[in-house]
């Protein structure tokens, strides 16, 4: 029988009811209290006529109600569909239609957007989180008011769907990535071990909960029964203060958050002395920033590379200085290979597509067997990322396959140029991408954010004096106040490329 996550919270509420489980924007609750609130939500869904396998979509920022929905889904067998609150009405409509969601739980600020598309949806129940009553919507407090606090009775197996996480939704066909109860149980065990978490750990999170990277600590938290602290949004000063006051041990961040903490006037190594893990996920963290972490917070840095569809590599804290440019080795029970265009395994050091398989592998994209077949070729999940593996089995990420620039017939990897540009003393973040060029086909350009004065012309001259090859030279650069990002905090190179006007 495959394991599930369905009874984790109920077991903690029975065994350690008074242990503090969660602090969410100042609201603290024990496992017994959290279990009662989650059970009320799960039973409220069932009271509305929803049943195991039905879909409930959330359009919520980081909040207690979103976490409650995750664990209500675990307890009831209903499938949760987290949607980014940053989506516009058209994007929301696409995901709700594709998932077939029967209920939507949204922040009150989404009322107008939902009313705009409501007539085109098959959603049966619209629920808003907020104090005000809005015509045509049920209030969240009303939904749960009379529901039972007892754990719902649900016959759940490891193969049952737990969530659908969308990797797209603003343009093109959406890709709804399905995770089962078994897959999430593997997240619990594999990452609790990888991060060396214990029941005494304290995890802090301020990234978007709708991003799969949040599950890297959400699942181990509930598995172990430790403490989880959730912030509504990321503020470096507040984050640092929380680490110091709550003696936080584990944080998982995206690179932009790592940089903001290191650059914050409130930062000092002493304030973060309780940290046992500072993890980076979601995008490559450039070497210059890693070096600062190793110097200021030694023996704490982990990096994770992977795809939501289902395989991961982990750079352990003990390997982070030994293999500083690597994104780690395959996670437990996971196989990773570098495959060439014909599907053959590349030799050590040879660049190919990073592919993998293991217990985190999705059963498929929701309702899209065609996309599933394209991603799963030869029983290996193809990531779309380029990299190589050394003789010791450590993976080195080169770039996204779709981001590779072909200039004058040469393959140009943007990350190689980014690693040069980030060394400029005034550059804080950089993204290099290709734009059309009449002579070379494509040519690399850079977008950067800076601390201090820097012109695009100065940066081009500085970088081009330091790159390894002529075809890596920038043709232009632009200085931005901030980068366009998705809910996961990743820089959207596509938007940079589409918005490029020349420079």
Protein backbone atom coordinates (compact mmCIF):
# COMPACT_ATOMS: atom_id res chain seq x y z
CA UNK A 1 0.00 0.00 0.00
CA UNK A 2 1.47 3.35 -1.03
CA UNK A 3 1.74 5.99 1.70
CA UNK A 4 -0.47 9.09 1.74
CA UNK A 5 -0.37 12.44 3.53
CA UNK A 6 -4.02 12.19 4.54
CA UNK A 7 -3.55 11.55 8.27
CA UNK A 8 -0.39 13.49 9.10
CA UNK A 9 -2.18 16.44 10.72
CA UNK A 10 -4.72 14.27 12.52
CA UNK A 11 -1.92 12.16 14.02
CA UNK A 12 -0.02 15.22 15.28
CA UNK A 13 -3.24 16.62 16.76
CA UNK A 14 -3.74 13.36 18.64
CA UNK A 15 -0.15 12.75 19.75
CA UNK A 16 1.12 16.30 20.37
CA UNK A 17 -2.01 18.49 20.46
CA UNK A 18 -0.53 21.43 22.37
CA UNK A 19 2.68 21.74 20.37
CA UNK A 20 2.85 25.00 18.43
CA UNK A 21 2.34 24.15 14.77
CA UNK A 22 1.98 27.39 12.83
CA UNK A 23 2.54 31.11 13.05
CA UNK A 24 0.87 32.94 10.17
CA UNK A 25 1.08 36.74 10.18
CA UNK A 26 1.13 36.80 13.95
CA UNK A 27 -1.62 34.19 14.38
CA UNK A 28 -0.28 31.18 16.27
CA UNK A 29 -2.02 27.83 16.60
CA UNK A 30 -1.29 24.40 18.00
CA UNK A 31 -1.66 21.17 16.08
CA UNK A 32 -5.01 20.57 17.77
CA UNK A 33 -6.27 24.01 16.76
CA UNK A 34 -4.95 23.69 13.22
CA UNK A 35 -6.54 20.26 12.87
CA UNK A 36 -9.91 21.63 13.99
CA UNK A 37 -9.81 24.47 11.46
CA UNK A 38 -8.64 22.21 8.62
CA UNK A 39 -11.32 19.62 9.43
CA UNK A 40 -14.00 22.32 9.36
CA UNK A 41 -12.92 23.35 5.88
CA UNK A 42 -12.73 19.76 4.61
CA UNK A 43 -16.16 18.95 6.03
CA UNK A 44 -17.58 22.19 4.62
CA UNK A 45 -16.49 21.07 1.17
CA UNK A 46 -18.19 17.72 1.65
CA UNK A 47 -21.32 19.43 3.04
CA UNK A 48 -21.48 21.40 -0.24
CA UNK A 49 -21.75 18.15 -2.14
CA UNK A 50 -18.13 17.92 -3.26
CA UNK A 51 -16.62 14.46 -3.25
CA UNK A 52 -13.24 12.77 -3.50
CA UNK A 53 -11.54 13.72 -6.77
CA UNK A 54 -13.46 16.97 -7.25
CA UNK A 55 -11.35 20.09 -7.74
CA UNK A 56 -11.22 23.17 -5.51
CA UNK A 57 -9.24 26.10 -6.89
CA UNK A 58 -7.67 28.73 -4.68
CA UNK A 59 -6.77 32.27 -5.74
CA UNK A 60 -5.16 33.43 -2.55
CA UNK A 61 -2.02 35.20 -1.37
CA UNK A 62 -0.01 33.63 1.43
CA UNK A 63 -2.52 33.26 4.25
CA UNK A 64 -3.89 30.82 6.81
CA UNK A 65 -6.78 29.87 4.54
CA UNK A 66 -4.46 28.73 1.75
CA UNK A 67 -2.50 26.46 4.08
CA UNK A 68 -5.81 25.17 5.46
CA UNK A 69 -6.92 24.33 1.92
CA UNK A 70 -3.75 22.31 1.32
CA UNK A 71 -4.33 20.16 4.37
CA UNK A 72 -8.10 19.97 3.90
CA UNK A 73 -7.38 18.48 0.48
CA UNK A 74 -5.01 16.00 2.09
CA UNK A 75 -7.69 14.91 4.58
CA UNK A 76 -10.71 14.80 2.24
CA UNK A 77 -9.41 13.42 -1.05
CA UNK A 78 -10.57 16.58 -2.81
CA UNK A 79 -7.95 17.93 -5.22
CA UNK A 80 -6.57 21.42 -4.59
CA UNK A 81 -5.71 23.65 -7.56
CA UNK A 82 -3.54 26.59 -6.40
CA UNK A 83 -3.74 29.57 -8.78
CA UNK A 84 -1.59 32.66 -8.58
CA UNK A 85 -3.39 35.80 -7.37
CA UNK A 86 -1.26 37.69 -9.91
CA UNK A 87 -3.22 36.21 -12.82
CA UNK A 88 -5.54 38.41 -14.85
CA UNK A 89 -9.17 37.36 -15.48
CA UNK A 90 -8.31 35.62 -18.75
CA UNK A 91 -5.61 33.54 -17.10
CA UNK A 92 -7.89 32.64 -14.18
CA UNK A 93 -10.63 31.56 -16.60
CA UNK A 94 -8.21 29.31 -18.49
CA UNK A 95 -7.09 27.47 -15.35
CA UNK A 96 -10.57 27.11 -13.87
CA UNK A 97 -11.92 25.74 -17.13
CA UNK A 98 -8.99 23.42 -17.71
CA UNK A 99 -9.07 21.99 -14.18
CA UNK A 100 -12.86 21.65 -14.04
CA UNK A 101 -12.88 23.19 -10.57
CA UNK A 102 -16.26 23.06 -8.82
CA UNK A 103 -15.37 25.57 -6.11
CA UNK A 104 -13.19 28.66 -6.04
CA UNK A 105 -11.85 30.13 -2.81
CA UNK A 106 -10.43 33.56 -3.56
CA UNK A 107 -9.24 36.66 -1.81
CA UNK A 108 -11.94 39.35 -1.65
CA UNK A 109 -9.83 41.49 -4.00
CA UNK A 110 -10.58 38.92 -6.76
CA UNK A 111 -14.36 39.51 -6.69
CA UNK A 112 -14.42 41.84 -9.71
CA UNK A 113 -12.16 39.56 -11.76
CA UNK A 114 -14.35 36.55 -11.00
CA UNK A 115 -17.53 38.44 -11.83
CA UNK A 116 -16.00 39.37 -15.19
CA UNK A 117 -15.61 35.71 -16.22
CA UNK A 118 -18.28 34.06 -14.09
CA UNK A 119 -20.77 33.45 -16.91
CA UNK A 120 -18.16 31.43 -18.83
CA UNK A 121 -17.36 29.09 -15.93
CA UNK A 122 -18.91 25.84 -14.68
CA UNK A 123 -17.90 26.61 -11.10
CA UNK A 124 -20.67 25.79 -8.61
CA UNK A 125 -19.41 27.59 -5.50
CA UNK A 126 -17.68 30.96 -5.23
CA UNK A 127 -16.15 31.73 -1.82
CA UNK A 128 -14.31 34.88 -0.75
CA UNK A 129 -11.83 35.27 2.09
CA UNK A 130 -12.41 38.59 3.83
CA UNK A 131 -14.59 40.31 6.39
CA UNK A 132 -17.00 41.96 3.98
CA UNK A 133 -19.97 40.22 2.40
CA UNK A 134 -20.09 40.51 -1.41
CA UNK A 135 -23.27 39.82 -3.38
CA UNK A 136 -23.16 36.52 -5.22
CA UNK A 137 -20.33 35.09 -3.10
CA UNK A 138 -20.27 32.99 0.03
CA UNK A 139 -18.01 34.25 2.77
CA UNK A 140 -15.29 31.84 3.97
CA UNK A 141 -16.39 32.22 7.58
CA UNK A 142 -19.95 31.36 6.55
CA UNK A 143 -18.72 28.34 4.61
CA UNK A 144 -17.00 26.80 7.63
CA UNK A 145 -19.18 28.13 10.47
CA UNK A 146 -21.31 25.03 11.07
CA UNK A 147 -18.93 22.35 9.82
CA UNK A 148 -17.68 19.55 12.06
CA UNK A 149 -14.21 19.72 13.60
CA UNK A 150 -13.85 15.93 13.37
CA UNK A 151 -11.54 14.50 10.74
CA UNK A 152 -13.56 13.58 7.65
CA UNK A 153 -13.87 9.95 6.70
CA UNK A 154 -12.11 9.46 3.39
CA UNK A 155 -10.77 6.35 1.70
CA UNK A 156 -7.56 7.74 0.19
CA UNK A 157 -4.80 5.78 -1.52
CA UNK A 158 -1.33 6.83 -2.57
CA UNK A 159 -2.33 6.87 -6.24
CA UNK A 160 -5.11 9.40 -5.64
CA UNK A 161 -4.55 12.93 -6.96
CA UNK A 162 -3.68 15.53 -4.35
CA UNK A 163 -3.08 18.70 -6.35
CA UNK A 164 -2.79 20.22 -9.81
CA UNK A 165 -0.09 22.87 -10.09
CA UNK A 166 -0.02 24.95 -13.23
CA UNK A 167 3.25 25.97 -14.84
CA UNK A 168 1.45 28.21 -17.32
CA UNK A 169 -1.81 30.06 -17.60
CA UNK A 170 -1.24 33.49 -19.12
CA UNK A 171 -0.45 32.41 -22.67
CA UNK A 172 -0.64 29.18 -24.64
CA UNK A 173 -1.96 25.85 -23.46
CA UNK A 174 -1.87 25.45 -19.66
CA UNK A 175 0.19 22.62 -18.21
CA UNK A 176 -1.49 21.27 -15.08
CA UNK A 177 1.08 19.16 -13.24
CA UNK A 178 -0.58 16.44 -11.18
CA UNK A 179 0.89 15.27 -7.88
CA UNK A 180 -0.51 12.29 -6.03
CA UNK A 181 -0.63 11.64 -2.30
CA UNK A 182 2.30 9.26 -2.72
CA UNK A 183 4.40 11.88 -4.49
CA UNK A 184 3.76 14.40 -1.71
CA UNK A 185 4.56 11.72 0.89
CA UNK A 186 7.91 11.34 -0.86
CA UNK A 187 8.42 15.11 -0.60
CA UNK A 188 7.85 14.70 3.15
CA UNK A 189 10.45 12.03 3.70
CA UNK A 190 13.06 12.85 1.06
CA UNK A 191 13.39 16.54 1.84
CA UNK A 192 13.10 16.22 5.61
CA UNK A 193 16.17 14.00 5.31
CA UNK A 194 17.94 16.13 2.72
CA UNK A 195 17.60 19.29 4.83
CA UNK A 196 18.39 17.45 8.11
CA UNK A 197 15.12 18.65 9.61
CA UNK A 198 13.83 17.28 12.95
CA UNK A 199 10.66 17.71 15.05
CA UNK A 200 12.47 20.59 16.76
CA UNK A 201 13.12 22.50 13.52
CA UNK A 202 11.59 25.89 12.79
CA UNK A 203 10.90 26.64 9.12
CA UNK A 204 10.20 30.15 7.83
CA UNK A 205 8.71 30.89 4.41
CA UNK A 206 7.92 34.15 2.64
CA UNK A 207 7.77 33.04 -0.99
CA UNK A 208 4.55 32.33 -2.83
CA UNK A 209 2.79 29.20 -1.55
CA UNK A 210 1.40 28.49 -5.02
CA UNK A 211 4.97 27.86 -6.22
CA UNK A 212 5.97 24.19 -5.95
CA UNK A 213 9.21 25.22 -4.21
CA UNK A 214 7.12 25.99 -1.13
CA UNK A 215 6.39 22.26 -0.81
CA UNK A 216 10.07 21.63 -0.08
CA UNK A 217 9.47 22.76 3.50
CA UNK A 218 5.64 22.59 3.79
CA UNK A 219 5.64 18.82 3.41
CA UNK A 220 8.58 18.09 5.80
CA UNK A 221 6.97 20.43 8.36
CA UNK A 222 3.81 18.37 8.55
CA UNK A 223 5.65 15.08 8.29
CA UNK A 224 7.83 15.87 11.31
CA UNK A 225 5.40 17.97 13.31
CA UNK A 226 7.78 20.88 13.75
CA UNK A 227 6.98 24.61 13.58
CA UNK A 228 6.18 26.52 10.40
CA UNK A 229 6.13 30.31 10.09
CA UNK A 230 4.46 31.89 7.07
CA UNK A 231 4.79 35.54 6.02
CA UNK A 232 2.22 37.20 3.77
CA UNK A 233 5.02 38.57 1.61
CA UNK A 234 8.77 38.96 1.58
CA UNK A 235 10.44 41.84 3.34
CA UNK A 236 14.13 41.35 4.00
CA UNK A 237 14.22 43.31 7.27
CA UNK A 238 11.16 41.49 8.66
CA UNK A 239 12.55 38.16 7.51
CA UNK A 240 15.86 38.74 9.27
CA UNK A 241 14.11 39.87 12.44
CA UNK A 242 11.92 36.75 12.44
CA UNK A 243 14.91 34.45 12.05
CA UNK A 244 16.57 36.08 15.04
CA UNK A 245 13.51 36.23 17.33
CA UNK A 246 12.08 32.78 16.50
CA UNK A 247 15.44 31.00 16.22
CA UNK A 248 14.54 29.81 12.74
CA UNK A 249 16.54 26.82 11.52
CA UNK A 250 15.42 26.28 7.91
CA UNK A 251 14.59 28.67 5.06
CA UNK A 252 14.09 28.00 1.36
CA UNK A 253 14.49 31.10 -0.82
CA UNK A 254 14.60 32.13 -4.43
CA UNK A 255 17.79 33.93 -5.56
CA UNK A 256 16.22 37.41 -5.45
CA UNK A 257 15.38 36.88 -1.77
CA UNK A 258 18.87 35.62 -1.00
CA UNK A 259 20.36 38.73 -2.58
CA UNK A 260 17.94 41.06 -0.77
CA UNK A 261 18.87 39.54 2.60
CA UNK A 262 22.61 39.76 1.99
CA UNK A 263 22.27 43.37 0.79
CA UNK A 264 19.92 44.45 3.58
CA UNK A 265 21.28 47.04 6.05
CA UNK A 266 19.68 44.86 8.75
CA UNK A 267 21.75 41.82 7.84
CA UNK A 268 24.47 40.46 10.08
CA UNK A 269 25.69 36.87 10.42
CA UNK A 270 24.91 36.99 14.14
CA UNK A 271 21.20 37.59 13.51
CA UNK A 272 21.06 34.48 11.32
CA UNK A 273 23.18 32.33 13.62
CA UNK A 274 20.30 29.90 14.31
CA UNK A 275 20.06 28.89 10.65
CA UNK A 276 21.00 25.31 9.87
CA UNK A 277 19.89 25.56 6.25
CA UNK A 278 19.78 28.42 3.79
CA UNK A 279 18.38 26.86 0.64
CA UNK A 280 18.14 28.32 -2.84
CA UNK A 281 15.65 27.13 -5.47
CA UNK A 282 13.81 28.30 -8.56
CA UNK A 283 16.65 29.74 -10.62
CA UNK A 284 20.46 29.61 -10.65
CA UNK A 285 22.16 31.56 -7.89
CA UNK A 286 25.25 33.12 -9.37
CA UNK A 287 28.66 32.21 -8.00
CA UNK A 288 29.42 35.65 -6.57
CA UNK A 289 26.41 35.39 -4.25
CA UNK A 290 27.29 31.83 -3.22
CA UNK A 291 30.76 32.98 -2.27
CA UNK A 292 29.29 35.65 0.00
CA UNK A 293 27.12 33.05 1.73
CA UNK A 294 30.06 30.69 2.26
CA UNK A 295 32.03 33.54 3.80
CA UNK A 296 29.29 35.06 5.98
CA UNK A 297 27.20 31.96 6.81
CA UNK A 298 29.49 28.97 6.33
CA UNK A 299 28.21 25.41 6.38
CA UNK A 300 24.55 26.27 5.76
CA UNK A 301 24.03 26.62 2.02
CA UNK A 302 21.99 24.09 0.04
CA UNK A 303 20.84 24.39 -3.56
CA UNK A 304 18.08 22.47 -5.28
CA UNK A 305 17.60 22.06 -8.99
CA UNK A 306 14.58 20.30 -10.38
CA UNK A 307 11.35 20.42 -12.28
CA UNK A 308 7.86 20.44 -10.80
CA UNK A 309 7.06 17.49 -13.06
CA UNK A 310 9.23 15.30 -11.01
CA UNK A 311 12.95 14.97 -10.39
CA UNK A 312 15.43 16.89 -8.29
CA UNK A 313 19.12 17.26 -7.57
CA UNK A 314 20.39 18.51 -4.21
CA UNK A 315 23.65 20.28 -3.52
CA UNK A 316 24.31 19.37 0.08
CA UNK A 317 25.93 21.84 2.46
CA UNK A 318 29.02 19.62 2.68
CA UNK A 319 29.42 19.65 -1.11
CA UNK A 320 28.61 23.32 -1.61
CA UNK A 321 32.25 24.43 -1.43
CA UNK A 322 33.68 21.22 -2.95
CA UNK A 323 31.44 21.50 -6.03
CA UNK A 324 30.56 25.22 -5.96
CA UNK A 325 29.33 25.47 -9.55
CA UNK A 326 27.22 22.31 -9.39
CA UNK A 327 23.50 22.06 -8.63
CA UNK A 328 24.14 18.81 -6.79
CA UNK A 329 23.60 15.11 -7.26
CA UNK A 330 20.38 13.17 -7.73
CA UNK A 331 18.06 13.17 -4.72
CA UNK A 332 17.43 9.89 -2.93
CA UNK A 333 15.81 7.15 -5.06
CA UNK A 334 16.16 9.41 -8.10
CA UNK A 335 18.07 8.81 -11.34
CA UNK A 336 19.43 11.67 -13.41
CA UNK A 337 21.08 11.34 -16.81
CA UNK A 338 22.37 13.72 -19.45
CA UNK A 339 20.98 12.61 -22.80
CA UNK A 340 21.90 13.69 -26.31
CA UNK A 341 19.47 14.31 -29.17
CA UNK A 342 19.29 10.59 -29.97
CA UNK A 343 18.52 9.65 -26.37
CA UNK A 344 21.98 8.28 -25.61
CA UNK A 345 23.76 9.02 -22.35
CA UNK A 346 26.40 11.74 -22.69
CA UNK A 347 29.95 11.22 -21.52
CA UNK A 348 31.11 13.10 -18.38
CA UNK A 349 31.54 16.77 -19.25
CA UNK A 350 29.46 16.54 -22.43
CA UNK A 351 26.51 18.92 -22.63
CA UNK A 352 23.06 17.47 -23.22
CA UNK A 353 19.52 17.61 -21.87
CA UNK A 354 19.05 16.94 -18.15
CA UNK A 355 16.58 14.07 -17.74
CA UNK A 356 15.41 12.12 -14.75
CA UNK A 357 12.99 9.72 -13.12
CA UNK A 358 12.09 8.65 -9.60
CA UNK A 359 9.38 8.69 -6.92
CA UNK A 360 8.54 12.39 -7.42
CA UNK A 361 7.57 11.87 -11.06
CA UNK A 362 4.12 13.14 -12.02
CA UNK A 363 1.58 10.71 -13.50
CA UNK A 364 1.08 13.32 -16.22
CA UNK A 365 -0.29 16.70 -17.18
CA UNK A 366 -3.96 17.08 -16.32
CA UNK A 367 -6.04 16.20 -19.36
CA UNK A 368 -3.08 16.44 -21.75
CA UNK A 369 -1.73 13.02 -22.74
CA UNK A 370 -0.07 14.66 -25.74
CA UNK A 371 2.01 16.97 -23.52
CA UNK A 372 2.74 14.09 -21.17
CA UNK A 373 4.05 11.94 -24.03
CA UNK A 374 6.25 14.81 -25.23
CA UNK A 375 7.79 15.33 -21.77
CA UNK A 376 8.14 11.60 -21.01
CA UNK A 377 10.24 10.07 -23.75
CA UNK A 378 11.92 6.73 -23.39
CA UNK A 379 10.71 6.52 -19.77
CA UNK A 380 12.73 9.62 -18.89
CA UNK A 381 11.29 13.02 -18.04
CA UNK A 382 12.96 15.61 -20.27
CA UNK A 383 13.52 18.89 -18.43
CA UNK A 384 14.29 21.21 -21.34
CA UNK A 385 17.44 22.25 -19.46
CA UNK A 386 20.97 21.80 -20.73
CA UNK A 387 23.80 20.64 -18.51
CA UNK A 388 26.51 18.09 -17.97
CA UNK A 389 27.54 15.61 -15.30
CA UNK A 390 31.00 15.11 -13.91
CA UNK A 391 32.66 11.79 -13.08
CA UNK A 392 31.28 11.94 -9.52
CA UNK A 393 27.65 12.24 -10.61
CA UNK A 394 27.25 15.94 -9.89
CA UNK A 395 25.11 17.92 -12.32
CA UNK A 396 26.16 21.28 -13.72
CA UNK A 397 23.41 23.44 -15.17
CA UNK A 398 24.35 25.23 -18.39
CA UNK A 399 21.08 26.90 -19.41
CA UNK A 400 17.52 26.46 -20.54
CA UNK A 401 17.43 24.79 -23.93
CA UNK A 402 15.01 27.44 -25.18
CA UNK A 403 17.23 30.25 -23.87
CA UNK A 404 20.36 29.13 -25.73
CA UNK A 405 21.49 31.74 -28.26
CA UNK A 406 22.85 30.70 -31.65
CA UNK A 407 25.08 33.52 -32.84
CA UNK A 408 27.02 33.11 -36.07
CA UNK A 409 26.57 29.35 -35.78
CA UNK A 410 28.01 29.20 -32.25
CA UNK A 411 26.05 28.04 -29.22
CA UNK A 412 26.02 30.85 -26.65
CA UNK A 413 24.85 30.02 -23.14
CA UNK A 414 23.46 33.10 -21.38
CA UNK A 415 24.48 31.84 -17.94
CA UNK A 416 28.18 31.97 -18.92
CA UNK A 417 27.82 35.69 -19.66
CA UNK A 418 25.67 36.25 -16.55
CA UNK A 419 28.40 34.82 -14.35
CA UNK A 420 30.76 37.46 -15.74
CA UNK A 421 28.32 40.37 -15.48
CA UNK A 422 27.36 39.61 -11.87
CA UNK A 423 30.98 40.20 -10.86
CA UNK A 424 30.64 43.89 -11.66
CA UNK A 425 30.65 45.64 -8.27
CA UNK A 426 27.43 47.55 -8.96
CA UNK A 427 25.38 44.76 -10.57
CA UNK A 428 22.92 43.03 -8.22
CA UNK A 429 21.02 40.82 -10.69
CA UNK A 430 21.44 40.03 -14.36
CA UNK A 431 19.56 38.28 -17.15
CA UNK A 432 21.11 37.68 -20.57
CA UNK A 433 18.92 36.78 -23.56
CA UNK A 434 19.14 36.66 -27.33
CA UNK A 435 17.60 39.12 -29.78
CA UNK A 436 17.45 38.95 -33.59
CA UNK A 437 20.48 40.26 -35.47
CA UNK A 438 20.76 40.75 -39.23
CA UNK A 439 24.40 39.66 -39.36
CA UNK A 440 24.71 36.96 -36.69
CA UNK A 441 21.16 35.60 -36.54
CA UNK A 442 21.02 36.29 -32.81
CA UNK A 443 23.12 38.36 -30.46
CA UNK A 444 23.27 38.45 -26.64
CA UNK A 445 22.01 41.44 -24.68
CA UNK A 446 21.84 41.94 -20.90
CA UNK A 447 19.33 43.42 -18.51
CA UNK A 448 20.58 44.25 -15.02
CA UNK A 449 19.55 45.84 -11.75
CA UNK A 450 22.18 47.87 -9.95
CA UNK A 451 23.20 49.43 -6.69
CA UNK A 452 24.65 52.76 -7.79
CA UNK A 453 25.12 54.46 -11.13
CA UNK A 454 25.89 52.32 -14.15
CA UNK A 455 25.07 52.81 -17.82
CA UNK A 456 24.36 50.08 -20.32
CA UNK A 457 27.35 51.18 -22.38
CA UNK A 458 29.70 50.92 -19.39
CA UNK A 459 28.46 47.41 -18.60
CA UNK A 460 28.85 46.22 -22.19
CA UNK A 461 32.45 47.42 -22.27
CA UNK A 462 33.20 45.86 -18.87
CA UNK A 463 31.68 42.48 -19.71
CA UNK A 464 33.12 42.23 -23.20
CA UNK A 465 36.62 42.75 -21.82
CA UNK A 466 36.16 39.68 -19.60
CA UNK A 467 34.19 37.02 -21.50
CA UNK A 468 36.02 33.96 -22.77
CA UNK A 469 35.05 34.18 -26.44
CA UNK A 470 34.14 36.80 -29.00
CA UNK A 471 30.71 35.25 -29.64
CA UNK A 472 29.87 35.84 -25.94
CA UNK A 473 30.24 39.60 -26.27
CA UNK A 474 27.17 41.66 -25.47
CA UNK A 475 25.76 43.86 -28.19
CA UNK A 476 23.79 45.98 -25.72
CA UNK A 477 22.65 46.23 -22.11
CA UNK A 478 19.87 47.97 -20.24
CA UNK A 479 19.60 48.93 -16.57
CA UNK A 480 16.17 48.24 -15.01
CA UNK A 481 14.61 49.29 -11.74
CA UNK A 482 13.20 45.78 -11.34
CA UNK A 483 12.77 42.59 -13.35
CA UNK A 484 9.46 41.12 -14.50
CA UNK A 485 8.89 37.96 -12.44
CA UNK A 486 6.39 35.17 -12.11
CA UNK A 487 4.78 34.01 -8.85
CA UNK A 488 7.82 31.87 -8.11
CA UNK A 489 10.14 34.87 -8.29
CA UNK A 490 11.77 33.73 -11.53
CA UNK A 491 12.88 36.41 -13.98
CA UNK A 492 10.72 36.27 -17.10
CA UNK A 493 13.25 36.34 -19.92
CA UNK A 494 10.44 35.91 -22.43
CA UNK A 495 8.98 39.28 -21.41
CA UNK A 496 12.41 40.90 -21.56
CA UNK A 497 12.95 39.50 -25.03
CA UNK A 498 9.52 40.52 -26.28
CA UNK A 499 9.86 44.02 -24.81
CA UNK A 500 13.34 44.64 -26.19
CA UNK A 501 13.42 47.83 -28.26
CA UNK A 502 17.11 47.92 -28.92
CA UNK A 503 19.73 49.82 -27.04
